[in-house]
């Protein structure tokens, strides 16, 4: 299981490559596999390859989010937990990150996303749960939820009728 925490929690004084290698810390004897995984991460997130030696704290918010995702993927998880992955990102970067999540899901990785950007999250999901004040108020397939009044109201910034 991998985790991409809200707020990213990268190691700002370490380089991008060192942050990524920390994601594989539980695999110390797999040096060849780790190098192969780094190349895979760099193909998924080419911006990180350009910034390999750069200190992580000097990256933009979107780049730090990508680094956090890449670090989690270095552990080769079967399940990836993402907490508010769009927080603080420009709309273009949100689309980029969610396109990446869609692609990761297509490769067989299960994603569990907690996200306030409901429409964007459901657009890449198979199932969803709508919470209000810590309670599940609606659940179902993503397609069904995207058609629900509650979700449509959230997408428009309006309050849904109960």
N, C-alpha and C. Protein backbone atom coordinates (compact mmCIF):
# COMPACT_ATOMS: atom_id res chain seq x y z
N UNK A 1 0.85 -1.17 0.00
CA UNK A 1 0.00 0.00 0.00
C UNK A 1 0.90 1.24 0.00
N UNK A 2 0.54 2.21 -0.83
CA UNK A 2 1.26 3.47 -0.88
C UNK A 2 0.34 4.58 -0.42
N UNK A 3 0.93 5.68 0.05
CA UNK A 3 0.14 6.80 0.57
C UNK A 3 0.69 8.11 0.05
N UNK A 4 -0.18 8.92 -0.51
CA UNK A 4 0.16 10.28 -0.92
C UNK A 4 -0.62 11.20 0.01
N UNK A 5 0.04 11.74 1.03
CA UNK A 5 -0.67 12.51 2.05
C UNK A 5 -1.09 13.90 1.58
N UNK A 6 -2.10 14.42 2.23
CA UNK A 6 -2.49 15.81 1.99
C UNK A 6 -1.31 16.67 2.42
N UNK A 7 -0.98 17.65 1.63
CA UNK A 7 0.14 18.52 1.97
C UNK A 7 1.48 18.00 1.47
N UNK A 8 1.46 16.87 0.79
CA UNK A 8 2.61 16.29 0.08
C UNK A 8 3.66 15.66 0.99
N UNK A 9 4.14 16.37 1.99
CA UNK A 9 5.12 15.85 2.95
C UNK A 9 6.36 15.25 2.28
N UNK A 10 6.88 15.98 1.33
CA UNK A 10 8.16 15.61 0.74
C UNK A 10 9.27 16.04 1.69
N UNK A 11 10.48 15.65 1.41
CA UNK A 11 11.64 16.07 2.19
C UNK A 11 12.29 17.23 1.43
N UNK A 12 12.01 18.48 1.85
CA UNK A 12 12.38 19.64 1.03
C UNK A 12 13.87 19.86 0.85
N UNK A 13 14.70 19.41 1.79
CA UNK A 13 16.14 19.65 1.65
C UNK A 13 16.84 18.56 0.85
N UNK A 14 16.12 17.48 0.57
CA UNK A 14 16.69 16.40 -0.24
C UNK A 14 16.37 16.62 -1.71
N UNK A 15 17.16 16.00 -2.58
CA UNK A 15 16.93 16.12 -4.01
C UNK A 15 15.71 15.29 -4.42
N UNK A 16 15.26 15.51 -5.63
CA UNK A 16 14.15 14.74 -6.18
C UNK A 16 14.49 13.26 -6.17
N UNK A 17 15.68 12.92 -6.65
CA UNK A 17 16.08 11.51 -6.72
C UNK A 17 16.13 10.88 -5.33
N UNK A 18 16.61 11.62 -4.33
CA UNK A 18 16.67 11.07 -2.98
C UNK A 18 15.27 10.87 -2.41
N UNK A 19 14.35 11.78 -2.68
CA UNK A 19 12.96 11.62 -2.26
C UNK A 19 12.37 10.36 -2.89
N UNK A 20 12.62 10.17 -4.18
CA UNK A 20 12.09 8.99 -4.87
C UNK A 20 12.68 7.70 -4.29
N UNK A 21 13.97 7.70 -4.07
CA UNK A 21 14.61 6.49 -3.52
C UNK A 21 14.08 6.16 -2.12
N UNK A 22 13.71 7.17 -1.37
CA UNK A 22 13.14 6.91 -0.04
C UNK A 22 11.83 6.12 -0.15
N UNK A 23 11.13 6.26 -1.26
CA UNK A 23 9.91 5.49 -1.47
C UNK A 23 10.15 4.00 -1.59
N UNK A 24 11.39 3.62 -1.89
CA UNK A 24 11.74 2.21 -2.04
C UNK A 24 12.57 1.71 -0.86
N UNK A 25 12.52 2.40 0.26
CA UNK A 25 13.38 2.05 1.39
C UNK A 25 13.15 0.64 1.93
N UNK A 26 11.97 0.08 1.70
CA UNK A 26 11.69 -1.28 2.19
C UNK A 26 12.20 -2.35 1.22
N UNK A 27 12.87 -1.92 0.17
CA UNK A 27 13.40 -2.84 -0.85
C UNK A 27 14.90 -2.63 -1.02
N UNK A 28 15.68 -2.66 0.06
CA UNK A 28 17.10 -2.29 -0.04
C UNK A 28 17.94 -3.21 -0.92
N UNK A 29 17.52 -4.45 -1.11
CA UNK A 29 18.33 -5.39 -1.89
C UNK A 29 17.93 -5.42 -3.37
N UNK A 30 16.99 -4.61 -3.74
CA UNK A 30 16.45 -4.63 -5.11
C UNK A 30 17.01 -3.47 -5.94
N UNK A 31 18.32 -3.28 -5.91
CA UNK A 31 18.93 -2.12 -6.58
C UNK A 31 18.59 -2.04 -8.07
N UNK A 32 18.68 -3.16 -8.79
CA UNK A 32 18.37 -3.14 -10.22
C UNK A 32 16.90 -2.80 -10.45
N UNK A 33 16.01 -3.40 -9.66
CA UNK A 33 14.58 -3.12 -9.79
C UNK A 33 14.29 -1.66 -9.47
N UNK A 34 14.97 -1.13 -8.48
CA UNK A 34 14.75 0.27 -8.10
C UNK A 34 15.15 1.20 -9.24
N UNK A 35 16.26 0.92 -9.90
CA UNK A 35 16.68 1.73 -11.04
C UNK A 35 15.67 1.63 -12.18
N UNK A 36 15.15 0.43 -12.41
CA UNK A 36 14.11 0.24 -13.43
C UNK A 36 12.86 1.02 -13.06
N UNK A 37 12.49 0.98 -11.78
CA UNK A 37 11.31 1.71 -11.31
C UNK A 37 11.51 3.22 -11.45
N UNK A 38 12.72 3.69 -11.20
CA UNK A 38 13.00 5.13 -11.37
C UNK A 38 12.78 5.54 -12.82
N UNK A 39 13.23 4.73 -13.75
CA UNK A 39 13.02 5.04 -15.16
C UNK A 39 11.53 5.05 -15.51
N UNK A 40 10.78 4.12 -14.91
CA UNK A 40 9.32 4.08 -15.11
C UNK A 40 8.68 5.35 -14.57
N UNK A 41 9.08 5.77 -13.37
CA UNK A 41 8.55 7.01 -12.76
C UNK A 41 8.88 8.20 -13.67
N UNK A 42 10.09 8.24 -14.19
CA UNK A 42 10.49 9.34 -15.05
C UNK A 42 9.70 9.35 -16.37
N UNK A 43 9.30 8.17 -16.85
CA UNK A 43 8.45 8.14 -18.05
C UNK A 43 7.05 8.66 -17.71
N UNK A 44 6.53 8.27 -16.53
CA UNK A 44 5.21 8.75 -16.10
C UNK A 44 5.22 10.24 -15.80
N UNK A 45 6.31 10.70 -15.18
CA UNK A 45 6.41 12.07 -14.69
C UNK A 45 7.70 12.71 -15.22
N UNK A 46 7.75 13.03 -16.50
CA UNK A 46 9.00 13.51 -17.11
C UNK A 46 9.57 14.77 -16.47
N UNK A 47 8.74 15.59 -15.87
CA UNK A 47 9.24 16.80 -15.21
C UNK A 47 10.21 16.44 -14.10
N UNK A 48 9.95 15.33 -13.42
CA UNK A 48 10.84 14.92 -12.32
C UNK A 48 12.23 14.55 -12.84
N UNK A 49 12.29 13.95 -14.01
CA UNK A 49 13.58 13.59 -14.58
C UNK A 49 14.41 14.84 -14.86
N UNK A 50 13.75 15.88 -15.34
CA UNK A 50 14.44 17.15 -15.61
C UNK A 50 14.97 17.78 -14.33
N UNK A 51 14.40 17.42 -13.20
CA UNK A 51 14.74 18.05 -11.93
C UNK A 51 15.40 17.07 -10.94
N UNK A 52 15.96 16.00 -11.44
CA UNK A 52 16.52 14.92 -10.62
C UNK A 52 17.38 15.41 -9.47
N UNK A 53 18.27 16.32 -9.72
CA UNK A 53 19.23 16.78 -8.70
C UNK A 53 18.75 18.02 -7.94
N UNK A 54 17.62 18.55 -8.33
CA UNK A 54 17.09 19.76 -7.69
C UNK A 54 16.54 19.45 -6.30
N UNK A 55 16.70 20.38 -5.37
CA UNK A 55 16.13 20.21 -4.03
C UNK A 55 14.61 20.23 -4.13
N UNK A 56 13.97 19.28 -3.49
CA UNK A 56 12.52 19.11 -3.60
C UNK A 56 11.76 20.34 -3.12
N UNK A 57 12.29 21.05 -2.15
CA UNK A 57 11.61 22.23 -1.61
C UNK A 57 11.55 23.38 -2.59
N UNK A 58 12.33 23.32 -3.66
CA UNK A 58 12.32 24.41 -4.65
C UNK A 58 11.39 24.11 -5.82
N UNK A 59 10.74 22.95 -5.80
CA UNK A 59 9.79 22.60 -6.86
C UNK A 59 8.49 23.37 -6.69
N UNK A 60 7.74 23.52 -7.77
CA UNK A 60 6.41 24.13 -7.68
C UNK A 60 5.48 23.18 -6.94
N UNK A 61 4.31 23.65 -6.57
CA UNK A 61 3.34 22.81 -5.87
C UNK A 61 2.94 21.59 -6.67
N UNK A 62 2.73 21.76 -7.97
CA UNK A 62 2.37 20.64 -8.82
C UNK A 62 3.51 19.63 -8.94
N UNK A 63 4.72 20.14 -9.04
CA UNK A 63 5.88 19.24 -9.13
C UNK A 63 6.07 18.49 -7.81
N UNK A 64 5.83 19.16 -6.69
CA UNK A 64 5.92 18.48 -5.40
C UNK A 64 4.86 17.39 -5.29
N UNK A 65 3.66 17.66 -5.81
CA UNK A 65 2.61 16.65 -5.79
C UNK A 65 3.02 15.45 -6.64
N UNK A 66 3.59 15.72 -7.82
CA UNK A 66 4.07 14.63 -8.66
C UNK A 66 5.15 13.83 -7.95
N UNK A 67 6.03 14.52 -7.24
CA UNK A 67 7.10 13.85 -6.49
C UNK A 67 6.51 12.97 -5.40
N UNK A 68 5.51 13.46 -4.72
CA UNK A 68 4.86 12.67 -3.67
C UNK A 68 4.22 11.41 -4.25
N UNK A 69 3.59 11.54 -5.41
CA UNK A 69 3.00 10.38 -6.09
C UNK A 69 4.11 9.41 -6.52
N UNK A 70 5.15 9.95 -7.13
CA UNK A 70 6.27 9.11 -7.58
C UNK A 70 6.91 8.36 -6.43
N UNK A 71 7.11 9.05 -5.31
CA UNK A 71 7.71 8.40 -4.13
C UNK A 71 6.84 7.23 -3.67
N UNK A 72 5.52 7.44 -3.63
CA UNK A 72 4.62 6.36 -3.21
C UNK A 72 4.68 5.19 -4.18
N UNK A 73 4.78 5.47 -5.46
CA UNK A 73 4.83 4.41 -6.47
C UNK A 73 6.13 3.59 -6.40
N UNK A 74 7.19 4.18 -5.87
CA UNK A 74 8.46 3.47 -5.76
C UNK A 74 8.37 2.27 -4.81
N UNK A 75 7.35 2.24 -3.98
CA UNK A 75 7.15 1.10 -3.09
C UNK A 75 6.41 -0.04 -3.76
N UNK A 76 6.07 0.12 -5.03
CA UNK A 76 5.32 -0.87 -5.82
C UNK A 76 4.02 -1.29 -5.13
N UNK A 77 3.17 -0.33 -4.80
CA UNK A 77 1.93 -0.69 -4.10
C UNK A 77 0.91 -1.33 -5.04
N UNK A 78 0.01 -2.09 -4.45
CA UNK A 78 -1.15 -2.61 -5.18
C UNK A 78 -2.34 -1.68 -4.97
N UNK A 79 -2.27 -0.91 -3.88
CA UNK A 79 -3.30 0.07 -3.52
C UNK A 79 -2.60 1.38 -3.21
N UNK A 80 -3.08 2.46 -3.81
CA UNK A 80 -2.52 3.79 -3.57
C UNK A 80 -3.59 4.67 -2.94
N UNK A 81 -3.32 5.16 -1.73
CA UNK A 81 -4.23 6.06 -1.03
C UNK A 81 -3.79 7.49 -1.31
N UNK A 82 -4.73 8.31 -1.78
CA UNK A 82 -4.43 9.70 -2.13
C UNK A 82 -5.36 10.61 -1.34
N UNK A 83 -4.78 11.50 -0.54
CA UNK A 83 -5.56 12.42 0.28
C UNK A 83 -5.47 13.83 -0.31
N UNK A 84 -6.56 14.29 -0.88
CA UNK A 84 -6.66 15.63 -1.47
C UNK A 84 -5.51 15.90 -2.46
N UNK A 85 -5.36 15.06 -3.48
CA UNK A 85 -4.24 15.25 -4.40
C UNK A 85 -4.30 16.53 -5.23
N UNK A 86 -5.47 17.16 -5.34
CA UNK A 86 -5.56 18.38 -6.14
C UNK A 86 -5.38 19.65 -5.32
N UNK A 87 -5.23 19.51 -4.02
CA UNK A 87 -5.16 20.66 -3.13
C UNK A 87 -4.05 21.64 -3.55
N UNK A 88 -4.43 22.86 -3.84
CA UNK A 88 -3.48 23.90 -4.16
C UNK A 88 -2.92 23.87 -5.57
N UNK A 89 -3.46 23.02 -6.42
CA UNK A 89 -2.95 22.92 -7.78
C UNK A 89 -3.74 23.79 -8.74
N UNK A 90 -3.07 24.31 -9.74
CA UNK A 90 -3.74 25.04 -10.81
C UNK A 90 -4.60 24.04 -11.59
N UNK A 91 -5.71 24.50 -12.20
CA UNK A 91 -6.59 23.60 -12.94
C UNK A 91 -5.88 22.74 -13.98
N UNK A 92 -4.93 23.30 -14.70
CA UNK A 92 -4.20 22.54 -15.72
C UNK A 92 -3.44 21.38 -15.07
N UNK A 93 -2.81 21.66 -13.93
CA UNK A 93 -2.07 20.60 -13.24
C UNK A 93 -3.00 19.56 -12.65
N UNK A 94 -4.18 19.99 -12.18
CA UNK A 94 -5.16 19.02 -11.68
C UNK A 94 -5.52 18.04 -12.78
N UNK A 95 -5.79 18.55 -13.97
CA UNK A 95 -6.13 17.68 -15.09
C UNK A 95 -4.99 16.72 -15.40
N UNK A 96 -3.76 17.23 -15.35
CA UNK A 96 -2.58 16.41 -15.62
C UNK A 96 -2.44 15.28 -14.58
N UNK A 97 -2.59 15.63 -13.31
CA UNK A 97 -2.46 14.65 -12.23
C UNK A 97 -3.56 13.60 -12.34
N UNK A 98 -4.78 14.02 -12.61
CA UNK A 98 -5.88 13.06 -12.70
C UNK A 98 -5.78 12.19 -13.95
N UNK A 99 -5.20 12.72 -15.01
CA UNK A 99 -4.94 11.89 -16.20
C UNK A 99 -3.91 10.81 -15.84
N UNK A 100 -2.94 11.18 -15.04
CA UNK A 100 -1.95 10.22 -14.56
C UNK A 100 -2.63 9.14 -13.71
N UNK A 101 -3.54 9.54 -12.82
CA UNK A 101 -4.25 8.57 -11.98
C UNK A 101 -5.07 7.61 -12.84
N UNK A 102 -5.72 8.15 -13.86
CA UNK A 102 -6.51 7.31 -14.77
C UNK A 102 -5.61 6.27 -15.43
N UNK A 103 -4.45 6.71 -15.89
CA UNK A 103 -3.51 5.80 -16.54
C UNK A 103 -2.99 4.75 -15.55
N UNK A 104 -2.67 5.17 -14.34
CA UNK A 104 -2.19 4.23 -13.32
C UNK A 104 -3.26 3.18 -13.03
N UNK A 105 -4.51 3.60 -12.97
CA UNK A 105 -5.61 2.68 -12.71
C UNK A 105 -5.76 1.68 -13.85
N UNK A 106 -5.56 2.14 -15.07
CA UNK A 106 -5.65 1.24 -16.24
C UNK A 106 -4.59 0.15 -16.19
N UNK A 107 -3.45 0.43 -15.54
CA UNK A 107 -2.38 -0.57 -15.46
C UNK A 107 -2.63 -1.57 -14.34
N UNK A 108 -3.75 -1.42 -13.62
CA UNK A 108 -4.10 -2.39 -12.59
C UNK A 108 -3.92 -1.90 -11.16
N UNK A 109 -3.43 -0.70 -10.98
CA UNK A 109 -3.25 -0.16 -9.63
C UNK A 109 -4.60 0.33 -9.11
N UNK A 110 -4.95 -0.08 -7.91
CA UNK A 110 -6.19 0.37 -7.28
C UNK A 110 -5.92 1.69 -6.57
N UNK A 111 -6.79 2.67 -6.81
CA UNK A 111 -6.65 3.99 -6.20
C UNK A 111 -7.82 4.23 -5.26
N UNK A 112 -7.51 4.77 -4.09
CA UNK A 112 -8.53 5.20 -3.12
C UNK A 112 -8.27 6.68 -2.92
N UNK A 113 -9.18 7.51 -3.43
CA UNK A 113 -8.96 8.96 -3.45
C UNK A 113 -9.96 9.66 -2.54
N UNK A 114 -9.46 10.47 -1.63
CA UNK A 114 -10.29 11.37 -0.83
C UNK A 114 -10.07 12.74 -1.43
N UNK A 115 -11.14 13.35 -1.95
CA UNK A 115 -10.98 14.56 -2.76
C UNK A 115 -12.21 15.43 -2.71
N UNK A 116 -12.00 16.75 -2.62
CA UNK A 116 -13.11 17.69 -2.65
C UNK A 116 -13.54 18.01 -4.08
N UNK A 117 -12.68 17.79 -5.04
CA UNK A 117 -13.03 18.00 -6.45
C UNK A 117 -13.83 16.78 -6.91
N UNK A 118 -15.11 16.77 -6.55
CA UNK A 118 -15.97 15.60 -6.72
C UNK A 118 -16.10 15.19 -8.18
N UNK A 119 -16.41 16.12 -9.05
CA UNK A 119 -16.62 15.77 -10.46
C UNK A 119 -15.36 15.20 -11.10
N UNK A 120 -14.24 15.80 -10.81
CA UNK A 120 -12.97 15.33 -11.35
C UNK A 120 -12.66 13.93 -10.83
N UNK A 121 -12.87 13.70 -9.55
CA UNK A 121 -12.61 12.38 -8.96
C UNK A 121 -13.52 11.32 -9.55
N UNK A 122 -14.79 11.63 -9.63
CA UNK A 122 -15.73 10.64 -10.17
C UNK A 122 -15.48 10.36 -11.64
N UNK A 123 -14.92 11.32 -12.36
CA UNK A 123 -14.66 11.12 -13.79
C UNK A 123 -13.63 10.02 -14.05
N UNK A 124 -12.82 9.69 -13.05
CA UNK A 124 -11.82 8.63 -13.22
C UNK A 124 -12.11 7.42 -12.33
N UNK A 125 -13.26 7.43 -11.66
CA UNK A 125 -13.57 6.38 -10.68
C UNK A 125 -14.58 5.38 -11.21
N UNK A 126 -14.59 4.23 -10.57
CA UNK A 126 -15.64 3.25 -10.84
C UNK A 126 -16.72 3.32 -9.77
N UNK A 127 -16.36 3.77 -8.57
CA UNK A 127 -17.31 3.83 -7.45
C UNK A 127 -16.98 5.05 -6.61
N UNK A 128 -18.00 5.60 -5.94
CA UNK A 128 -17.78 6.76 -5.10
C UNK A 128 -18.70 6.80 -3.90
N UNK A 129 -18.31 7.61 -2.94
CA UNK A 129 -19.08 7.85 -1.73
C UNK A 129 -19.11 9.35 -1.50
N UNK A 130 -20.28 9.89 -1.32
CA UNK A 130 -20.45 11.31 -1.07
C UNK A 130 -20.67 11.50 0.43
N UNK A 131 -19.80 12.29 1.06
CA UNK A 131 -19.88 12.52 2.50
C UNK A 131 -20.31 13.95 2.78
N UNK A 132 -21.06 14.10 3.84
CA UNK A 132 -21.40 15.43 4.35
C UNK A 132 -21.30 15.34 5.87
N UNK A 133 -20.49 16.22 6.44
CA UNK A 133 -20.28 16.23 7.89
C UNK A 133 -19.90 14.85 8.42
N UNK A 134 -19.05 14.14 7.69
CA UNK A 134 -18.54 12.85 8.14
C UNK A 134 -19.48 11.68 7.94
N UNK A 135 -20.61 11.89 7.30
CA UNK A 135 -21.58 10.82 7.07
C UNK A 135 -21.74 10.57 5.58
N UNK A 136 -21.86 9.29 5.23
CA UNK A 136 -22.12 8.93 3.84
C UNK A 136 -23.57 9.29 3.53
N UNK A 137 -23.76 10.18 2.55
CA UNK A 137 -25.13 10.57 2.18
C UNK A 137 -25.54 9.96 0.84
N UNK A 138 -24.57 9.46 0.09
CA UNK A 138 -24.88 8.83 -1.19
C UNK A 138 -23.69 7.98 -1.58
N UNK A 139 -23.96 6.83 -2.17
CA UNK A 139 -22.90 5.96 -2.67
C UNK A 139 -23.40 5.23 -3.89
N UNK A 140 -22.45 4.79 -4.69
CA UNK A 140 -22.83 4.03 -5.88
C UNK A 140 -21.76 4.09 -6.94
N UNK A 141 -22.14 3.65 -8.12
CA UNK A 141 -21.18 3.71 -9.23
C UNK A 141 -20.89 5.18 -9.54
N UNK A 142 -19.72 5.42 -10.07
CA UNK A 142 -19.36 6.80 -10.41
C UNK A 142 -20.33 7.39 -11.42
N UNK A 143 -20.74 6.58 -12.39
CA UNK A 143 -21.68 7.06 -13.42
C UNK A 143 -23.00 7.48 -12.79
N UNK A 144 -23.50 6.69 -11.85
CA UNK A 144 -24.76 7.02 -11.16
C UNK A 144 -24.61 8.28 -10.33
N UNK A 145 -23.51 8.37 -9.61
CA UNK A 145 -23.29 9.56 -8.78
C UNK A 145 -23.15 10.83 -9.61
N UNK A 146 -22.50 10.72 -10.75
CA UNK A 146 -22.36 11.90 -11.61
C UNK A 146 -23.71 12.42 -12.10
N UNK A 147 -24.71 11.56 -12.12
CA UNK A 147 -26.06 11.97 -12.53
C UNK A 147 -26.94 12.42 -11.35
N UNK A 148 -26.45 12.23 -10.12
CA UNK A 148 -27.29 12.55 -8.95
C UNK A 148 -27.40 14.06 -8.72
N UNK A 149 -28.51 14.47 -8.14
CA UNK A 149 -28.73 15.90 -7.85
C UNK A 149 -27.69 16.44 -6.89
N UNK A 150 -27.33 15.64 -5.87
CA UNK A 150 -26.34 16.11 -4.88
C UNK A 150 -25.01 16.44 -5.54
N UNK A 151 -24.56 15.54 -6.39
CA UNK A 151 -23.26 15.75 -7.03
C UNK A 151 -23.34 16.88 -8.04
N UNK A 152 -24.41 16.94 -8.80
CA UNK A 152 -24.57 18.05 -9.75
C UNK A 152 -24.57 19.38 -9.02
N UNK A 153 -25.24 19.43 -7.87
CA UNK A 153 -25.27 20.67 -7.09
C UNK A 153 -23.87 21.02 -6.59
N UNK A 154 -23.11 20.03 -6.15
CA UNK A 154 -21.74 20.28 -5.71
C UNK A 154 -20.88 20.80 -6.85
N UNK A 155 -21.11 20.22 -8.03
CA UNK A 155 -20.34 20.64 -9.20
C UNK A 155 -20.61 22.07 -9.60
N UNK A 156 -21.80 22.57 -9.26
CA UNK A 156 -22.16 23.95 -9.59
C UNK A 156 -21.93 24.90 -8.43
N UNK A 157 -21.48 24.33 -7.28
CA UNK A 157 -21.25 25.15 -6.11
C UNK A 157 -22.52 25.51 -5.39
N UNK A 158 -23.62 24.79 -5.67
CA UNK A 158 -24.90 25.05 -5.01
C UNK A 158 -25.14 24.00 -3.94
N UNK A 159 -26.02 24.27 -3.03
CA UNK A 159 -26.39 23.32 -1.98
C UNK A 159 -27.54 22.45 -2.48
N UNK A 160 -27.37 21.13 -2.39
CA UNK A 160 -28.41 20.21 -2.85
C UNK A 160 -29.52 20.09 -1.82
N UNK A 161 -30.71 19.83 -2.30
CA UNK A 161 -31.83 19.56 -1.39
C UNK A 161 -31.67 18.15 -0.83
N UNK A 162 -32.07 17.95 0.42
CA UNK A 162 -31.96 16.61 1.00
C UNK A 162 -33.13 15.78 0.64
